[in-house]
C-alpha atoms as a PDB file:
ATOM      1  CA  MET A   1      35.732 -66.837 -81.418  1.00  0.00           C
ATOM      2  CA  GLU A   2      37.477 -63.588 -81.382  1.00  0.00           C
ATOM      3  CA  THR A   3      34.934 -62.199 -83.784  1.00  0.00           C
ATOM      4  CA  ASN A   4      32.095 -63.227 -81.470  1.00  0.00           C
ATOM      5  CA  ASN A   5      33.882 -61.643 -78.504  1.00  0.00           C
ATOM      6  CA  LEU A   6      34.529 -58.510 -80.506  1.00  0.00           C
ATOM      7  CA  LYS A   7      30.840 -58.358 -81.498  1.00  0.00           C
ATOM      8  CA  LYS A   8      29.844 -58.810 -77.853  1.00  0.00           C
ATOM      9  CA  TYR A   9      32.178 -55.985 -76.793  1.00  0.00           C
ATOM     10  CA  LEU A  10      30.914 -53.741 -79.553  1.00  0.00           C
ATOM     11  CA  ILE A  11      27.271 -54.467 -78.649  1.00  0.00           C
ATOM     12  CA  ILE A  12      27.985 -53.870 -74.968  1.00  0.00           C
ATOM     13  CA  THR A  13      29.881 -50.650 -75.771  1.00  0.00           C
ATOM     14  CA  LEU A  14      27.070 -49.524 -78.072  1.00  0.00           C
ATOM     15  CA  ALA A  15      24.475 -50.355 -75.382  1.00  0.00           C
ATOM     16  CA  VAL A  16      26.467 -48.416 -72.792  1.00  0.00           C
ATOM     17  CA  ILE A  17      26.768 -45.392 -75.134  1.00  0.00           C
ATOM     18  CA  VAL A  18      23.054 -45.506 -75.989  1.00  0.00           C
ATOM     19  CA  GLY A  19      22.250 -45.930 -72.278  1.00  0.00           C
ATOM     20  CA  LEU A  20      24.425 -42.929 -71.409  1.00  0.00           C
ATOM     21  CA  LEU A  21      22.774 -40.832 -74.122  1.00  0.00           C
ATOM     22  CA  VAL A  22      19.313 -41.843 -72.916  1.00  0.00           C
ATOM     23  CA  ALA A  23      20.301 -41.220 -69.285  1.00  0.00           C
ATOM     24  CA  ASN A  24      21.730 -37.844 -70.292  1.00  0.00           C
ATOM     25  CA  SER A  25      18.555 -36.775 -72.086  1.00  0.00           C
ATOM     26  CA  VAL A  26      16.092 -38.339 -69.616  1.00  0.00           C
ATOM     27  CA  ILE A  27      17.846 -37.926 -66.251  1.00  0.00           C
ATOM     28  CA  PHE A  28      20.876 -35.650 -66.237  1.00  0.00           C
ATOM     29  CA  THR A  29      19.642 -32.830 -68.521  1.00  0.00           C
ATOM     30  CA  PRO A  30      16.284 -32.378 -66.694  1.00  0.00           C
ATOM     31  CA  LEU A  31      18.087 -32.500 -63.342  1.00  0.00           C
ATOM     32  CA  TRP A  32      20.607 -29.910 -64.527  1.00  0.00           C
ATOM     33  CA  ASN A  33      17.829 -27.675 -65.888  1.00  0.00           C
ATOM     34  CA  ALA A  34      15.852 -27.984 -62.640  1.00  0.00           C
ATOM     35  CA  TRP A  35      18.949 -27.198 -60.580  1.00  0.00           C
ATOM     36  CA  THR A  36      19.768 -24.161 -62.754  1.00  0.00           C
ATOM     37  CA  SER A  37      16.156 -22.978 -62.596  1.00  0.00           C
ATOM     38  CA  ARG A  38      16.099 -23.301 -58.798  1.00  0.00           C
ATOM     39  CA  GLN A  39      19.368 -21.402 -58.500  1.00  0.00           C
ATOM     40  CA  GLU A  40      17.889 -18.571 -60.591  1.00  0.00           C
ATOM     41  CA  LYS A  41      14.737 -18.543 -58.416  1.00  0.00           C
ATOM     42  CA  ILE A  42      16.835 -18.488 -55.239  1.00  0.00           C
ATOM     43  CA  LYS A  43      18.881 -15.597 -56.625  1.00  0.00           C
ATOM     44  CA  LYS A  44      15.730 -13.700 -57.617  1.00  0.00           C
ATOM     45  CA  LEU A  45      14.065 -14.290 -54.223  1.00  0.00           C
ATOM     46  CA  THR A  46      17.225 -13.217 -52.404  1.00  0.00           C
ATOM     47  CA  GLU A  47      17.247  -9.989 -54.413  1.00  0.00           C
ATOM     48  CA  GLU A  48      13.541  -9.436 -53.643  1.00  0.00           C
ATOM     49  CA  ILE A  49      14.173  -9.991 -49.926  1.00  0.00           C
ATOM     50  CA  GLN A  50      17.003  -7.456 -49.975  1.00  0.00           C
ATOM     51  CA  THR A  51      14.781  -4.960 -51.801  1.00  0.00           C
ATOM     52  CA  GLU A  52      11.944  -5.504 -49.307  1.00  0.00           C
ATOM     53  CA  LYS A  53      14.338  -5.047 -46.392  1.00  0.00           C
ATOM     54  CA  LYS A  54      15.471  -1.737 -47.855  1.00  0.00           C
ATOM     55  CA  LEU A  55      11.857  -0.652 -48.435  1.00  0.00           C
ATOM     56  CA  ALA A  56      10.825  -1.735 -44.941  1.00  0.00           C
ATOM     57  CA  GLY A  57      13.725   0.220 -43.505  1.00  0.00           C
ATOM     58  CA  GLN A  58      12.732   3.261 -45.551  1.00  0.00           C
ATOM     59  CA  ARG A  59       9.068   2.906 -44.535  1.00  0.00           C
ATOM     60  CA  GLY A  60      10.113   2.645 -40.905  1.00  0.00           C
ATOM     61  CA  ARG A  61      12.203   5.791 -41.231  1.00  0.00           C
ATOM     62  CA  ASP A  62       9.316   7.569 -42.994  1.00  0.00           C
ATOM     63  CA  ILE A  63       6.870   6.575 -40.251  1.00  0.00           C
ATOM     64  CA  LYS A  64       9.282   7.694 -37.535  1.00  0.00           C
ATOM     65  CA  GLU A  65       9.841  10.985 -39.357  1.00  0.00           C
ATOM     66  CA  ARG A  66       6.090  11.565 -39.753  1.00  0.00           C
ATOM     67  CA  TRP A  67       5.490  10.720 -36.086  1.00  0.00           C
ATOM     68  CA  ALA A  68       8.259  13.118 -35.019  1.00  0.00           C
ATOM     69  CA  ASN A  69       6.653  15.791 -37.213  1.00  0.00           C
ATOM     70  CA  ILE A  70       3.242  15.129 -35.658  1.00  0.00           C
ATOM     71  CA  GLN A  71       4.703  15.300 -32.155  1.00  0.00           C
ATOM     72  CA  SER A  72       6.579  18.523 -32.826  1.00  0.00           C
ATOM     73  CA  ASN A  73       3.507  20.185 -34.379  1.00  0.00           C
ATOM     74  CA  ALA A  74       0.857  18.856 -31.977  1.00  0.00           C
ATOM     75  CA  LEU A  75      -0.964  21.147 -29.636  1.00  0.00           C
ATOM     76  CA  PRO A  76       0.418  21.658 -26.112  1.00  0.00           C
ATOM     77  CA  SER A  77      -0.888  19.294 -23.425  1.00  0.00           C
ATOM     78  CA  ASP A  78      -2.311  22.222 -21.401  1.00  0.00           C
ATOM     79  CA  LEU A  79      -5.878  22.233 -22.735  1.00  0.00           C
ATOM     80  CA  SER A  80      -6.547  25.967 -22.313  1.00  0.00           C
ATOM     81  CA  GLN A  81      -3.272  26.717 -24.087  1.00  0.00           C
ATOM     82  CA  ALA A  82      -4.214  24.221 -26.823  1.00  0.00           C
ATOM     83  CA  GLN A  83      -7.554  25.991 -27.367  1.00  0.00           C
ATOM     84  CA  SER A  84      -5.770  29.355 -27.468  1.00  0.00           C
ATOM     85  CA  THR A  85      -3.303  28.029 -30.050  1.00  0.00           C
ATOM     86  CA  VAL A  86      -6.149  26.920 -32.341  1.00  0.00           C
ATOM     87  CA  VAL A  87      -7.970  30.268 -31.995  1.00  0.00           C
ATOM     88  CA  LYS A  88      -4.745  32.166 -32.789  1.00  0.00           C
ATOM     89  CA  ALA A  89      -4.205  29.949 -35.835  1.00  0.00           C
ATOM     90  CA  VAL A  90      -7.753  30.682 -37.063  1.00  0.00           C
ATOM     91  CA  ASP A  91      -7.093  34.418 -36.639  1.00  0.00           C
ATOM     92  CA  ARG A  92      -3.809  34.080 -38.571  1.00  0.00           C
ATOM     93  CA  TRP A  93      -5.508  32.183 -41.402  1.00  0.00           C
ATOM     94  CA  ALA A  94      -8.262  34.808 -41.543  1.00  0.00           C
ATOM     95  CA  GLN A  95      -5.702  37.639 -41.772  1.00  0.00           C
ATOM     96  CA  ILE A  96      -3.725  35.853 -44.486  1.00  0.00           C
ATOM     97  CA  SER A  97      -6.809  35.133 -46.586  1.00  0.00           C
ATOM     98  CA  GLY A  98      -8.864  38.252 -45.926  1.00  0.00           C
ATOM     99  CA  VAL A  99     -11.980  36.507 -44.577  1.00  0.00           C
ATOM    100  CA  THR A 100     -13.987  37.932 -41.689  1.00  0.00           C
ATOM    101  CA  THR A 101     -14.578  35.476 -38.861  1.00  0.00           C
ATOM    102  CA  GLU A 102     -18.042  35.752 -37.352  1.00  0.00           C
ATOM    103  CA  SER A 103     -17.624  33.096 -34.671  1.00  0.00           C
ATOM    104  CA  VAL A 104     -14.853  30.851 -33.400  1.00  0.00           C
ATOM    105  CA  SER A 105     -15.919  28.224 -30.847  1.00  0.00           C
ATOM    106  CA  PRO A 106     -13.205  25.844 -29.615  1.00  0.00           C
ATOM    107  CA  GLN A 107     -13.940  22.863 -27.389  1.00  0.00           C
ATOM    108  CA  VAL A 108     -11.906  19.935 -26.092  1.00  0.00           C
ATOM    109  CA  ARG A 109     -13.026  16.456 -27.044  1.00  0.00           C
ATOM    110  CA  THR A 110     -11.717  13.144 -25.709  1.00  0.00           C
ATOM    111  CA  ASP A 111     -12.736   9.912 -27.435  1.00  0.00           C
ATOM    112  CA  PRO A 112     -11.485   6.319 -27.314  1.00  0.00           C
ATOM    113  CA  ASP A 113      -9.196   5.223 -30.135  1.00  0.00           C
ATOM    114  CA  GLU A 114     -11.053   3.115 -32.710  1.00  0.00           C
ATOM    115  CA  SER A 115      -8.332   0.456 -32.810  1.00  0.00           C
ATOM    116  CA  ASN A 116      -7.627   0.341 -29.048  1.00  0.00           C
ATOM    117  CA  ARG A 117     -10.496   1.275 -26.730  1.00  0.00           C
ATOM    118  CA  ASP A 118      -8.080   1.616 -23.771  1.00  0.00           C
ATOM    119  CA  VAL A 119      -6.346   4.588 -25.435  1.00  0.00           C
ATOM    120  CA  MET A 120      -8.016   7.992 -25.298  1.00  0.00           C
ATOM    121  CA  ILE A 121      -7.413  10.584 -28.011  1.00  0.00           C
ATOM    122  CA  THR A 122      -7.794  14.258 -27.139  1.00  0.00           C
ATOM    123  CA  THR A 123      -8.506  16.850 -29.816  1.00  0.00           C
ATOM    124  CA  VAL A 124      -9.506  20.487 -29.883  1.00  0.00           C
ATOM    125  CA  GLU A 125     -12.477  20.940 -32.177  1.00  0.00           C
ATOM    126  CA  CYS A 126     -13.134  24.458 -33.318  1.00  0.00           C
ATOM    127  CA  ARG A 127     -16.298  25.540 -35.120  1.00  0.00           C
ATOM    128  CA  VAL A 128     -15.555  28.507 -37.389  1.00  0.00           C
ATOM    129  CA  ASP A 129     -18.069  30.647 -39.274  1.00  0.00           C
ATOM    130  CA  ALA A 130     -16.633  33.250 -41.645  1.00  0.00           C
ATOM    131  CA  THR A 131     -17.546  35.411 -44.650  1.00  0.00           C
ATOM    132  CA  GLY A 132     -15.604  36.559 -47.675  1.00  0.00           C
ATOM    133  CA  THR A 133     -15.333  36.338 -51.428  1.00  0.00           C
ATOM    134  CA  MET A 134     -14.815  33.060 -53.204  1.00  0.00           C
ATOM    135  CA  ASN A 135     -11.077  33.768 -53.551  1.00  0.00           C
ATOM    136  CA  SER A 136     -10.661  34.694 -49.883  1.00  0.00           C
ATOM    137  CA  LEU A 137     -12.531  31.545 -48.780  1.00  0.00           C
ATOM    138  CA  LEU A 138     -10.292  29.431 -51.000  1.00  0.00           C
ATOM    139  CA  SER A 139      -7.228  31.205 -49.558  1.00  0.00           C
ATOM    140  CA  PHE A 140      -8.565  30.484 -46.057  1.00  0.00           C
ATOM    141  CA  LEU A 141      -8.928  26.765 -46.838  1.00  0.00           C
ATOM    142  CA  TYR A 142      -5.481  26.748 -48.459  1.00  0.00           C
ATOM    143  CA  ALA A 143      -3.930  28.357 -45.358  1.00  0.00           C
ATOM    144  CA  ILE A 144      -5.527  25.674 -43.163  1.00  0.00           C
ATOM    145  CA  GLY A 145      -4.194  22.930 -45.440  1.00  0.00           C
ATOM    146  CA  ARG A 146      -0.657  24.342 -45.369  1.00  0.00           C
ATOM    147  CA  GLU A 147      -0.598  24.563 -41.558  1.00  0.00           C
ATOM    148  CA  LYS A 148       2.069  22.418 -39.909  1.00  0.00           C
ATOM    149  CA  MET A 149      -0.116  21.866 -36.866  1.00  0.00           C
ATOM    150  CA  GLY A 150      -1.960  18.570 -37.334  1.00  0.00           C
ATOM    151  CA  THR A 151      -5.398  19.767 -38.422  1.00  0.00           C
ATOM    152  CA  LYS A 152      -8.325  18.015 -40.039  1.00  0.00           C
ATOM    153  CA  LEU A 153     -11.331  19.680 -41.654  1.00  0.00           C
ATOM    154  CA  ASP A 154     -14.801  18.359 -40.912  1.00  0.00           C
ATOM    155  CA  ASN A 155     -18.255  19.525 -41.981  1.00  0.00           C
ATOM    156  CA  VAL A 156     -17.348  22.233 -44.502  1.00  0.00           C
ATOM    157  CA  GLU A 157     -20.420  24.220 -45.565  1.00  0.00           C
ATOM    158  CA  ILE A 158     -20.222  27.002 -48.142  1.00  0.00           C
ATOM    159  CA  GLY A 159     -23.141  29.237 -49.078  1.00  0.00           C
ATOM    160  CA  MET A 160     -23.944  32.543 -50.787  1.00  0.00           C
ATOM    161  CA  LYS A 161     -24.543  35.466 -48.405  1.00  0.00           C
ATOM    162  CA  ASP A 162     -25.025  38.350 -50.824  1.00  0.00           C
ATOM    163  CA  ALA A 163     -24.997  37.861 -54.584  1.00  0.00           C
ATOM    164  CA  ALA A 164     -24.616  41.570 -55.298  1.00  0.00           C
ATOM    165  CA  THR A 165     -21.349  41.879 -53.363  1.00  0.00           C
ATOM    166  CA  GLN A 166     -20.332  38.270 -54.071  1.00  0.00           C
ATOM    167  CA  GLN A 167     -20.004  37.639 -50.347  1.00  0.00           C
ATOM    168  CA  MET A 168     -20.102  33.986 -49.343  1.00  0.00           C
ATOM    169  CA  THR A 169     -20.224  32.227 -45.990  1.00  0.00           C
ATOM    170  CA  ILE A 170     -18.254  29.245 -44.816  1.00  0.00           C
ATOM    171  CA  GLY A 171     -18.856  27.105 -41.779  1.00  0.00           C
ATOM    172  CA  LEU A 172     -16.404  24.408 -40.846  1.00  0.00           C
ATOM    173  CA  THR A 173     -15.111  22.348 -37.973  1.00  0.00           C
ATOM    174  CA  ILE A 174     -11.351  22.055 -37.491  1.00  0.00           C
ATOM    175  CA  SER A 175      -9.916  19.240 -35.357  1.00  0.00           C
ATOM    176  CA  ALA A 176      -6.373  19.406 -33.988  1.00  0.00           C
ATOM    177  CA  LEU A 177      -4.540  16.665 -32.072  1.00  0.00           C
ATOM    178  CA  VAL A 178      -3.411  17.189 -28.470  1.00  0.00           C
ATOM    179  CA  LEU A 179      -0.607  14.889 -27.283  1.00  0.00           C
ATOM    180  CA  GLY A 180       0.539  14.212 -23.747  1.00  0.00           C
ATOM    181  CA  VAL A 181      -2.787  14.783 -21.991  1.00  0.00           C
ATOM    182  CA  PRO A 182      -2.962  12.636 -18.854  1.00  0.00           C
ATOM    183  CA  PRO A 183      -5.770  10.074 -18.954  1.00  0.00           C
ATOM    184  CA  PRO A 184      -8.933  11.001 -17.059  1.00  0.00           C
ATOM    185  CA  PRO A 185      -9.164   9.611 -13.527  1.00  0.00           C
ATOM    186  CA  SER A 186     -10.714   6.184 -13.181  1.00  0.00           C
ATOM    187  CA  THR A 187     -14.460   6.282 -12.589  1.00  0.00           C
ATOM    188  CA  SER A 188     -14.556   3.071 -10.598  1.00  0.00           C
ATOM    189  CA  ALA A 189     -15.088   3.748  -6.913  1.00  0.00           C
ATOM    190  CA  PRO A 190     -13.164   1.806  -4.278  1.00  0.00           C
ATOM    191  CA  ALA A 191     -14.992  -1.139  -2.749  1.00  0.00           C
ATOM    192  CA  PRO A 192     -16.792  -0.198   0.487  1.00  0.00           C
ATOM    193  CA  ALA A 193     -15.218  -1.436   3.686  1.00  0.00           C
ATOM    194  CA  THR A 194     -16.986  -4.323   5.377  1.00  0.00           C
ATOM    195  CA  ALA A 195     -17.570  -4.757   9.099  1.00  0.00           C
ATOM    196  CA  ASN A 196     -15.109  -7.654   9.174  1.00  0.00           C
ATOM    197  CA  ASP A 197     -12.167  -5.499   7.997  1.00  0.00           C
END
């Protein structure tokens, strides 16, 4: 009888060992691998979040710095002074480059912002016609591009004036941002008074 009991215990022990091995390979090992994999993903995502926070902070600082630069180099809010500033800048660029300005025509323009129609953007647009050699025209364009005042070139036209003297003409429109201009007065008229009022 003891032999039968011993066989039963050995079979049960063997079944338990085989069951544990099967459970280890089918249940515990995949669970462990999944847990380890998730921990690695969590660690990687946490690192990515920290990196993105740093980048977002840097982008925010860059945007604030650029906006401060734009504000400090924008034209004055007095529109006649803003026009004068643009004309003086054109004269300075012409002197630096050696071009001869034939006409400088500044005008103030106020348009609604494309992204927010309630916001009006004021710029000074200046049409400039000048003559010079190819090198002086390039120097003129370079001087405009290096200007700290927020300028944008529109409608650049270059042509040959005199082939013998290598004189060329340039016509361009320069736009410069004006900040701090009060909005135009409202165009809506007050409601007329009625006899009952």
